[in-house]
Amino acid sequence: MTTNPTPPGLHRGRRLSGWRVLIGVVIALAVIAGAVAVPWYLAERAPAATTPAGPRWFGGYFDVTAASVSTTPTVGDGTDDTVVLAFVVAAAADQCEPSWGAAYSLADAGTELDLDRRVDNMRRDGAHVAVSFGGALNTELGVACSTTSELADAYRAVIDRYRVSTIDLDLENESLADAAAGARRAAAVAQVQKRSDNDLSVWLTLPTATDGLTDQGIAAVRQLLEAGVDLTGVNAMTMDYGTDLAGKSMAEASISALEAVNDQLTTLYADLRIALPTGGAWALLGATPMIGQNDVVDEVFTIADAQQLNEFATKQRLARMSMWSINRDRTCGPNYPDVSVVSDACSGVEQNSVTFASVLSPGFDESPSDSVTPSPVSTPIPDDPKTSPYPIWSPRVAYSAGVRVVWHGYVYVAKWWVTGAPEPDDPTQAANQTSWTLLGAVLPDDEPFTLPTVAAGTYPEWIPAQMYETGARVVVDGVPFEAKWWTQGEDPTIGITDHDRSPWTVVMADAAK
């Protein structure tokens, strides 16, 4: 049997219906569309090109309101270290106004704590400065502010005043649980970052368990990223775990926590189709242990823990290492009775003259974004009682601890009661010898030092020969004074700078009313 093959392109004895032709066309178009759509979809799913990892830096937190004015924060051993000033919070639960620890407005911190001058002096000494918003106590600004624009303005007020280009958002407790506040915060930070004159680096600091971030913590990261924030990194608080560590040291528990957070961030960034930098999620991670005694009594982070954590963080090339806090980086004195009770002034462990900063900082030798330069020092502002922010130093006047003076264009604070020479800027005096601590230069926008005055006749004029009992009030050149104890013949104006030995104290404006 033979066959007659059909000529190419022909179907002998059969014809195609219109419906079959239509179906064939649809199938062909579908194949073509698929060929285009699949690569497009995959391209949309793929993350952007990998970006270089950011700087790897060390910066201890400095508790602004817990330190005396004479305390100068220093960290590590190098000039490229960073001081993270903590914490800016709302002035009150219902006030969208930035403050330091709900204790000082930004303006009050400038006068009472000399913070602006101290920040300028830190930069003169080679340090970089960042600001942290939030913390475990008080009301975080995102919770207190009711609108995105108000919150953005509050952030900008702080950023502009201290001229920082790195901020830290420390979210805990209510501020982390409040989803609406989180949405406002994310939108406000994105707005501030977009409108910033300089690149604004944003770090998110979150509580961490040994198995990583909480669900609320992951949600906070997601909120910021989805709002368009260019998130510099996530800083894990490797502290206060509050669970059975199963025999692990604090360093081992912290390493477990960091490994878990690394996995969580890797998954989250892939889900959001955001490219990780070179080095992966490790290059976005920071670690912040609470040095020494933690709030959980059984958790103590030792110098040995710091060494082990630093070795791990250096090997994995974490982006940041911090610690809570610079204020605590010293052995407690012998008069502190119970080192298991956390102090804001010492670590609670024997450090043997070794600082945690010096152990945690090696390998983190770069600096975060901070393009600000300190004010020039070539031409100090001349000492002038009419314009100086504090009294001009005099060897004939006594000064109590904490009293500030101006000398040769710089501001100094007395470390203890002192009178007479040497001068505050005597270069032959070692740090443990001089009675004075340098706070910084007199700044061009400093307000002149003034004393409160009262209207004529409010109190009687001081008479040297008259005896005055405790509580008696007098005036000298319009300035009101009150007797602290029985006195006669002692000039009230001595009490302006000598708060310890003078029987007189200045009556401040509110008290004089």
Foldseek 3Di string as FASTA:
>chain_A
DDDDDDPPPDDPPDDDDPVVVVVVVVVVVVVVVCVPVVVVVVVVLAFDDAAAFDAAAEEFEDQQVVDFLLDQFDFADDLEHEYEYDEWAALAQQGLATARVVPGGPVRCCQQNVVLQLLLVSVVSRYFYEYEYDDDDGHTNLRNDDALVSNLVNVVVVCVSSVHQEYEYEDDDPRLVDVNSLLSVLLSQQVNQVPPPDHHAYEYEAEWALLEGDPSVLVSVVSNVVSPHPHSAYEYALADNVDPPVPDASLVSSVSHVVNHQVSVQVSCSVVSHHAHVLHNQSRYEYEYAAAAGPPLVHGQYLVSLLSNLVVNLVSVHRYYYYQHSQAFAADDPPPDQLSHDDSRHRSDHPVPDGSSNNNTPNSNHHPDRPDHRDDDPDADDDDLFFFLFAADDLAAWAAAQHWHDDPFFIKGFNGIDHHDDDQVPPVADPVGHRIRTSHGGDPPRGRHDADFDDPPLAAADDQADKDAFQHWHDDPRWIKGFNGIDHRFDQVSQVGDVDPDRIHTQHDVNSD
